[in-house]
Protein backbone atom coordinates (compact mmCIF):
# COMPACT_ATOMS: atom_id res chain seq x y z
CA UNK A 1 0.00 0.00 0.00
CA UNK A 2 1.29 3.45 -0.84
CA UNK A 3 1.90 5.50 2.34
CA UNK A 4 -0.37 8.55 2.71
CA UNK A 5 1.13 11.86 1.67
CA UNK A 6 2.05 14.50 4.20
CA UNK A 7 -0.99 16.53 3.30
CA UNK A 8 -3.33 13.57 3.51
CA UNK A 9 -2.11 12.91 7.04
CA UNK A 10 -3.04 16.49 7.85
CA UNK A 11 -6.44 15.93 6.27
CA UNK A 12 -6.99 12.89 8.45
CA UNK A 13 -6.06 14.86 11.54
CA UNK A 14 -8.39 17.70 10.64
CA UNK A 15 -11.19 15.29 9.91
CA UNK A 16 -10.82 13.84 13.38
CA UNK A 17 -10.75 17.26 14.97
CA UNK A 18 -13.76 18.43 13.01
CA UNK A 19 -15.82 15.40 14.07
CA UNK A 20 -18.60 16.56 11.84
CA UNK A 21 -19.68 16.22 8.23
CA UNK A 22 -18.53 19.53 6.84
CA UNK A 23 -16.48 20.84 3.95
CA UNK A 24 -13.20 22.40 4.96
CA UNK A 25 -10.56 24.30 2.99
CA UNK A 26 -8.44 21.15 2.89
CA UNK A 27 -11.06 19.27 0.92
CA UNK A 28 -12.76 17.10 3.59
CA UNK A 29 -16.16 16.25 2.17
CA UNK A 30 -19.32 15.00 3.78
CA UNK A 31 -21.87 13.95 1.25
CA UNK A 32 -20.23 12.38 -1.78
CA UNK A 33 -17.26 12.50 -4.10
CA UNK A 34 -19.26 14.77 -6.38
CA UNK A 35 -18.97 17.55 -3.80
CA UNK A 36 -15.24 17.82 -4.59
CA UNK A 37 -15.57 17.80 -8.37
CA UNK A 38 -12.93 20.26 -9.59
CA UNK A 39 -15.21 21.27 -12.44
CA UNK A 40 -17.84 22.59 -10.07
CA UNK A 41 -17.83 26.38 -10.31
CA UNK A 42 -19.70 27.02 -7.06
CA UNK A 43 -17.64 27.47 -3.91
CA UNK A 44 -19.57 26.09 -0.96
CA UNK A 45 -19.05 28.25 2.10
CA UNK A 46 -19.64 26.33 5.33
CA UNK A 47 -19.95 27.73 8.78
CA UNK A 48 -16.82 29.33 10.21
CA UNK A 49 -14.15 26.82 11.14
CA UNK A 50 -11.82 26.80 14.09
CA UNK A 51 -8.15 27.53 13.44
CA UNK A 52 -6.36 24.43 12.17
CA UNK A 53 -3.97 22.62 14.53
CA UNK A 54 -0.72 24.38 15.33
CA UNK A 55 2.26 23.11 13.38
CA UNK A 56 5.87 23.03 14.49
CA UNK A 57 9.26 22.55 12.91
CA UNK A 58 10.53 18.99 13.24
CA UNK A 59 13.95 18.46 11.77
CA UNK A 60 13.80 20.08 8.33
CA UNK A 61 10.02 19.98 7.82
CA UNK A 62 6.72 20.99 9.38
CA UNK A 63 4.85 18.52 11.57
CA UNK A 64 1.37 18.31 13.05
CA UNK A 65 0.76 17.75 16.78
CA UNK A 66 1.05 13.98 16.26
CA UNK A 67 4.47 14.30 14.66
CA UNK A 68 3.33 13.62 11.10
CA UNK A 69 5.08 15.61 8.39
CA UNK A 70 2.92 18.25 6.68
CA UNK A 71 3.32 20.04 3.38
CA UNK A 72 1.19 23.16 2.91
CA UNK A 73 0.16 24.51 -0.52
CA UNK A 74 -1.43 27.86 -1.14
CA UNK A 75 -1.43 31.34 -2.65
CA UNK A 76 -0.07 34.77 -1.88
CA UNK A 77 -2.07 37.92 -2.32
CA UNK A 78 -0.55 40.71 -4.37
CA UNK A 79 0.38 43.88 -2.47
CA UNK A 80 -2.55 44.86 -0.27
CA UNK A 81 -2.01 48.53 -1.15
CA UNK A 82 -2.63 47.78 -4.84
CA UNK A 83 -4.97 44.77 -5.04
CA UNK A 84 -7.10 44.77 -1.91
CA UNK A 85 -10.13 44.52 -4.23
CA UNK A 86 -9.01 40.95 -5.00
CA UNK A 87 -9.21 39.95 -1.34
CA UNK A 88 -12.88 39.81 -0.37
CA UNK A 89 -15.36 37.27 0.98
CA UNK A 90 -16.01 35.73 -2.43
CA UNK A 91 -12.36 35.39 -3.43
CA UNK A 92 -11.33 34.03 -0.03
CA UNK A 93 -14.20 31.53 -0.15
CA UNK A 94 -13.06 30.41 -3.60
CA UNK A 95 -9.46 29.97 -2.46
CA UNK A 96 -10.55 27.95 0.55
CA UNK A 97 -13.42 25.85 -0.74
CA UNK A 98 -12.94 25.67 -4.52
CA UNK A 99 -9.15 25.72 -4.82
CA UNK A 100 -8.63 23.88 -1.51
CA UNK A 101 -5.62 25.95 -0.43
CA UNK A 102 -4.17 25.19 3.01
CA UNK A 103 -2.42 28.50 3.46
CA UNK A 104 -2.81 32.16 2.45
CA UNK A 105 0.10 34.59 2.40
CA UNK A 106 -1.01 38.15 3.13
CA UNK A 107 1.48 40.36 1.33
CA UNK A 108 1.89 43.74 3.00
CA UNK A 109 4.54 45.93 1.40
CA UNK A 110 6.35 48.29 3.74
CA UNK A 111 7.49 50.92 1.25
CA UNK A 112 6.01 51.22 -2.29
CA UNK A 113 2.91 52.90 -0.86
CA UNK A 114 2.46 50.28 1.85
CA UNK A 115 2.69 50.10 5.65
CA UNK A 116 4.87 53.16 6.20
CA UNK A 117 2.19 55.40 4.65
CA UNK A 118 -0.49 54.31 7.16
CA UNK A 119 0.76 51.95 9.89
CA UNK A 120 -2.52 51.90 11.80
CA UNK A 121 -4.60 51.32 8.69
CA UNK A 122 -2.47 48.49 7.32
CA UNK A 123 -2.22 46.85 10.74
CA UNK A 124 -6.00 46.96 11.07
CA UNK A 125 -6.36 45.48 7.60
CA UNK A 126 -3.99 42.66 8.52
CA UNK A 127 -5.91 41.95 11.74
CA UNK A 128 -9.14 41.62 9.78
CA UNK A 129 -7.64 39.40 7.09
CA UNK A 130 -6.02 37.08 9.62
CA UNK A 131 -9.43 36.60 11.20
CA UNK A 132 -11.08 36.00 7.82
CA UNK A 133 -8.52 33.39 6.76
CA UNK A 134 -8.69 31.72 10.16
CA UNK A 135 -12.47 31.49 9.95
CA UNK A 136 -12.00 29.43 6.78
CA UNK A 137 -9.78 26.95 8.63
CA UNK A 138 -6.55 27.90 6.85
CA UNK A 139 -3.03 28.78 7.86
CA UNK A 140 -1.93 32.36 7.28
CA UNK A 141 1.47 33.87 6.55
CA UNK A 142 1.84 37.45 7.71
CA UNK A 143 4.24 38.73 5.08
CA UNK A 144 6.37 41.75 6.06
CA UNK A 145 7.02 42.49 2.41
CA UNK A 146 10.14 44.63 2.63
CA UNK A 147 11.72 44.96 -0.80
CA UNK A 148 13.32 48.35 -1.35
CA UNK A 149 15.47 49.27 0.47
CA UNK A 150 16.80 45.72 0.66
CA UNK A 151 18.31 45.94 4.15
CA UNK A 152 15.65 44.73 6.60
CA UNK A 153 17.31 46.73 9.38
CA UNK A 154 16.00 49.89 7.71
CA UNK A 155 12.53 48.89 8.89
CA UNK A 156 13.52 47.25 12.17
CA UNK A 157 11.62 49.61 14.48
CA UNK A 158 8.55 49.48 12.28
CA UNK A 159 8.77 45.68 12.28
CA UNK A 160 9.03 45.56 16.06
CA UNK A 161 5.89 47.68 16.41
CA UNK A 162 3.94 45.72 13.81
CA UNK A 163 4.84 42.21 14.93
CA UNK A 164 4.26 43.04 18.57
CA UNK A 165 0.69 44.04 17.72
CA UNK A 166 0.07 41.08 15.40
CA UNK A 167 1.54 38.43 17.68
CA UNK A 168 -0.23 39.82 20.74
CA UNK A 169 -3.59 39.64 18.98
CA UNK A 170 -3.20 36.34 17.10
CA UNK A 171 -0.40 34.37 18.73
CA UNK A 172 -2.82 32.13 20.56
CA UNK A 173 -4.47 30.88 17.36
CA UNK A 174 -1.75 28.46 16.32
CA UNK A 175 -2.23 28.96 12.57
CA UNK A 176 -0.19 32.15 12.10
CA UNK A 177 3.25 32.14 10.45
CA UNK A 178 5.41 35.27 10.68
CA UNK A 179 7.46 36.05 7.56
CA UNK A 180 9.67 38.77 8.93
CA UNK A 181 11.66 39.83 5.84
CA UNK A 182 10.35 39.17 2.36
CA UNK A 183 13.37 39.55 0.08
CA UNK A 184 16.52 40.98 1.65
CA UNK A 185 18.86 42.20 -1.05
CA UNK A 186 22.07 44.17 -1.40
CA UNK A 187 23.08 43.30 2.14
CA UNK A 188 25.15 40.55 3.76
CA UNK A 189 23.81 37.47 5.51
CA UNK A 190 25.43 38.67 8.74
CA UNK A 191 23.35 41.85 8.60
CA UNK A 192 20.17 39.94 7.73
CA UNK A 193 20.89 37.48 10.53
CA UNK A 194 21.32 40.36 12.98
CA UNK A 195 17.87 41.62 12.01
CA UNK A 196 16.36 38.18 12.56
CA UNK A 197 18.03 37.91 15.95
CA UNK A 198 16.42 41.20 16.98
CA UNK A 199 12.90 40.57 15.65
CA UNK A 200 12.49 36.97 16.84
CA UNK A 201 12.46 37.90 20.58
CA UNK A 202 9.80 40.55 19.86
CA UNK A 203 7.48 37.88 18.44
CA UNK A 204 8.43 35.31 21.09
CA UNK A 205 7.42 37.73 23.84
CA UNK A 206 3.86 37.47 22.53
CA UNK A 207 3.82 34.08 20.80
CA UNK A 208 6.28 31.59 22.33
CA UNK A 209 5.95 28.89 19.69
CA UNK A 210 4.59 30.28 16.41
CA UNK A 211 6.62 29.40 13.30
CA UNK A 212 8.81 32.29 12.12
CA UNK A 213 9.97 32.45 8.50
CA UNK A 214 13.36 34.04 7.91
CA UNK A 215 14.36 35.79 4.68
CA UNK A 216 17.64 34.74 3.09
CA UNK A 217 20.23 36.70 1.05
CA UNK A 218 19.75 38.04 -2.47
CA UNK A 219 15.96 38.16 -2.73
CA UNK A 220 15.48 35.05 -0.58
CA UNK A 221 17.51 32.91 -2.96
CA UNK A 222 19.84 31.57 -0.24
CA UNK A 223 22.46 33.78 -1.87
CA UNK A 224 22.25 31.96 -5.20
CA UNK A 225 21.27 35.16 -7.03
CA UNK A 226 24.35 36.84 -5.60
CA UNK A 227 27.92 35.80 -4.97
CA UNK A 228 27.36 33.07 -2.36
CA UNK A 229 25.19 29.97 -1.98
CA UNK A 230 23.14 28.06 0.58
CA UNK A 231 26.21 27.01 2.55
CA UNK A 232 26.63 30.50 3.98
CA UNK A 233 23.28 30.22 5.78
CA UNK A 234 23.77 26.56 6.67
CA UNK A 235 27.14 27.32 8.27
CA UNK A 236 25.86 30.33 10.21
CA UNK A 237 22.30 29.57 11.27
CA UNK A 238 20.06 31.68 13.46
CA UNK A 239 20.00 30.24 16.98
CA UNK A 240 16.27 29.94 17.61
CA UNK A 241 13.59 27.29 17.67
CA UNK A 242 10.59 26.86 15.40
CA UNK A 243 12.11 28.82 12.55
CA UNK A 244 12.33 28.12 8.82
CA UNK A 245 14.32 29.77 6.04
CA UNK A 246 12.60 31.13 2.95
CA UNK A 247 13.36 30.53 -0.71
CA UNK A 248 11.82 32.27 -3.73
CA UNK A 249 12.06 31.18 -7.35
CA UNK A 250 10.57 31.92 -10.74
CA UNK A 251 10.78 28.85 -12.95
CA UNK A 252 11.45 30.57 -16.28
CA UNK A 253 14.42 32.42 -14.77
CA UNK A 254 15.77 30.08 -12.09
CA UNK A 255 17.15 26.88 -13.57
CA UNK A 256 18.90 23.79 -12.19
CA UNK A 257 21.47 25.87 -10.34
CA UNK A 258 18.70 27.18 -8.09
CA UNK A 259 16.78 23.90 -7.98
CA UNK A 260 19.85 22.02 -6.84
CA UNK A 261 20.69 24.68 -4.27
CA UNK A 262 17.23 24.40 -2.76
CA UNK A 263 17.55 20.62 -2.73
CA UNK A 264 20.86 20.72 -0.89
CA UNK A 265 19.61 23.26 1.62
CA UNK A 266 16.42 21.32 2.36
CA UNK A 267 18.49 18.34 3.46
CA UNK A 268 20.10 20.40 6.21
CA UNK A 269 17.85 23.29 7.28
CA UNK A 270 14.05 23.82 7.39
CA UNK A 271 12.92 25.49 4.16
CA UNK A 272 9.61 27.12 3.18
CA UNK A 273 9.05 28.45 -0.36
CA UNK A 274 6.94 31.49 0.48
CA UNK A 275 6.88 32.79 -3.08
CA UNK A 276 7.29 31.33 -6.55
CA UNK A 277 6.02 31.81 -10.06
CA UNK A 278 5.89 29.81 -13.25
CA UNK A 279 7.23 32.77 -15.25
CA UNK A 280 10.28 35.02 -15.17
CA UNK A 281 11.45 36.70 -11.97
CA UNK A 282 9.50 39.81 -12.98
CA UNK A 283 6.28 37.84 -12.56
CA UNK A 284 5.66 38.18 -16.27
CA UNK A 285 6.50 36.52 -19.57
CA UNK A 286 5.92 32.96 -20.81
CA UNK A 287 5.20 30.16 -18.35
CA UNK A 288 7.67 27.33 -17.91
CA UNK A 289 5.39 24.64 -16.53
CA UNK A 290 7.94 21.86 -17.07
CA UNK A 291 10.52 23.53 -14.81
CA UNK A 292 7.78 24.51 -12.39
CA UNK A 293 6.73 20.88 -12.10
CA UNK A 294 10.31 19.85 -11.38
CA UNK A 295 10.34 22.28 -8.47
CA UNK A 296 6.98 20.99 -7.23
CA UNK A 297 8.21 17.40 -7.44
CA UNK A 298 11.29 18.33 -5.43
CA UNK A 299 9.21 20.13 -2.83
CA UNK A 300 6.87 17.16 -2.52
CA UNK A 301 9.84 14.83 -2.09
CA UNK A 302 11.50 17.05 0.54
CA UNK A 303 8.30 18.07 2.33
CA UNK A 304 8.77 21.76 1.51
CA UNK A 305 5.60 23.84 1.86
CA UNK A 306 4.94 26.39 -0.86
CA UNK A 307 2.97 29.49 -1.81
CA UNK A 308 2.45 30.76 -5.35
CA UNK A 309 2.59 34.41 -6.45
CA UNK A 310 -0.08 35.79 -6.90
CA UNK A 311 -3.85 35.77 -6.25
CA UNK A 312 -4.90 38.89 -8.17
CA UNK A 313 -5.98 40.19 -11.57
CA UNK A 314 -2.79 42.13 -12.29
CA UNK A 315 -2.04 42.29 -16.03
CA UNK A 316 1.12 40.21 -15.69
CA UNK A 317 1.09 36.51 -16.54
CA UNK A 318 1.90 35.60 -12.94
CA UNK A 319 -1.42 36.91 -11.62
CA UNK A 320 -3.90 34.04 -11.69
CA UNK A 321 -7.04 35.96 -12.77
CA UNK A 322 -7.85 37.73 -16.01
CA UNK A 323 -7.66 41.50 -15.74
CA UNK A 324 -10.98 42.90 -14.56
CA UNK A 325 -12.01 39.84 -12.54
CA UNK A 326 -11.74 41.72 -9.22
CA UNK A 327 -13.72 42.58 -7.25
CA UNK A 328 -16.82 40.92 -8.68
CA UNK A 329 -15.46 37.57 -9.82
CA UNK A 330 -16.46 34.88 -10.30
CA UNK A 331 -13.40 33.43 -8.60
CA UNK A 332 -14.45 29.76 -8.71
CA UNK A 333 -13.87 27.40 -11.58
CA UNK A 334 -11.54 28.23 -14.46
CA UNK A 335 -13.46 30.67 -16.65
CA UNK A 336 -11.56 33.74 -15.37
CA UNK A 337 -8.16 32.12 -14.93
CA UNK A 338 -5.03 32.79 -16.94
CA UNK A 339 -2.90 29.80 -17.94
CA UNK A 340 -0.82 30.08 -14.78
CA UNK A 341 -3.95 30.29 -12.65
CA UNK A 342 -5.47 27.18 -14.15
CA UNK A 343 -2.21 25.28 -13.75
CA UNK A 344 -1.56 26.26 -10.13
CA UNK A 345 -5.19 25.70 -9.09
CA UNK A 346 -4.92 22.14 -10.39
CA UNK A 347 -1.63 21.61 -8.54
CA UNK A 348 -3.18 22.79 -5.27
CA UNK A 349 -6.19 20.55 -5.76
CA UNK A 350 -3.94 17.54 -6.41
CA UNK A 351 -2.78 17.66 -2.81
């Protein structure tokens, strides 16, 4: 008999915890197999669910409370300052109940018209979205989407304020991941590591055991897009528990050199791919589904959780919806999906 996959073990656990015939974001069905037909274009929205069980880092992977390995699959929003119209009740329902995503990454830019322009407003928006994702029984990544400037220390005090508020309000839920530095760039690993060492205690003061996701050098490429490689991080790890290191890739730009680097790293340190696309690193251009599938196969083999960029109707090929889909939808089915959207929806549903 083929052993159950990591995600199916999570499904079994959630089914036990639910102890009721309901439909959850992870695809647990009550009535019949027809309820999960991927061709169905109606997202069924059940009653609000409790937060899913807290996960923890075990070795180089995520595990559920019973010690079973778990691989999460989901989507990232686009920048909330630009595409908030794509994050509403209907689109979140579709992502949870039609796509079957386990995890939602809430992408909050810091500069680029983001958090620094209205800290209170963006924090409030993040509070509300965390609650909305949690009500759908999903995990949520709070993405501190620093990009330019590339040194995370530039925003250290802002990050301390923000993560203190977020962790204090949601740290008891168990489903919240903290991504504390999206894509550090133009700065050394020692400087990035120093930032991590200062922000981790801020979160731990409010949430002692939530999983914290740590950005890596050169746009979270483990240094592969710069002058180093994964060994720099492996040889000089952050001394903290329940942490994972992030990796980002775009399949049409990042070839075997990056794939092999991720593979080597995943054998030694806990990795989480918090952003990837099937196109070029710009999020645009032709899709390379063959290379994308090689990455997905590797991540399945290594138990690496992943999140795709992005759940919006931006004009670029990396946005899953046709331009003009938001805010009215429909978001279910495939009628409004670009090629990348149709492909990634199917990959999420396969889990």
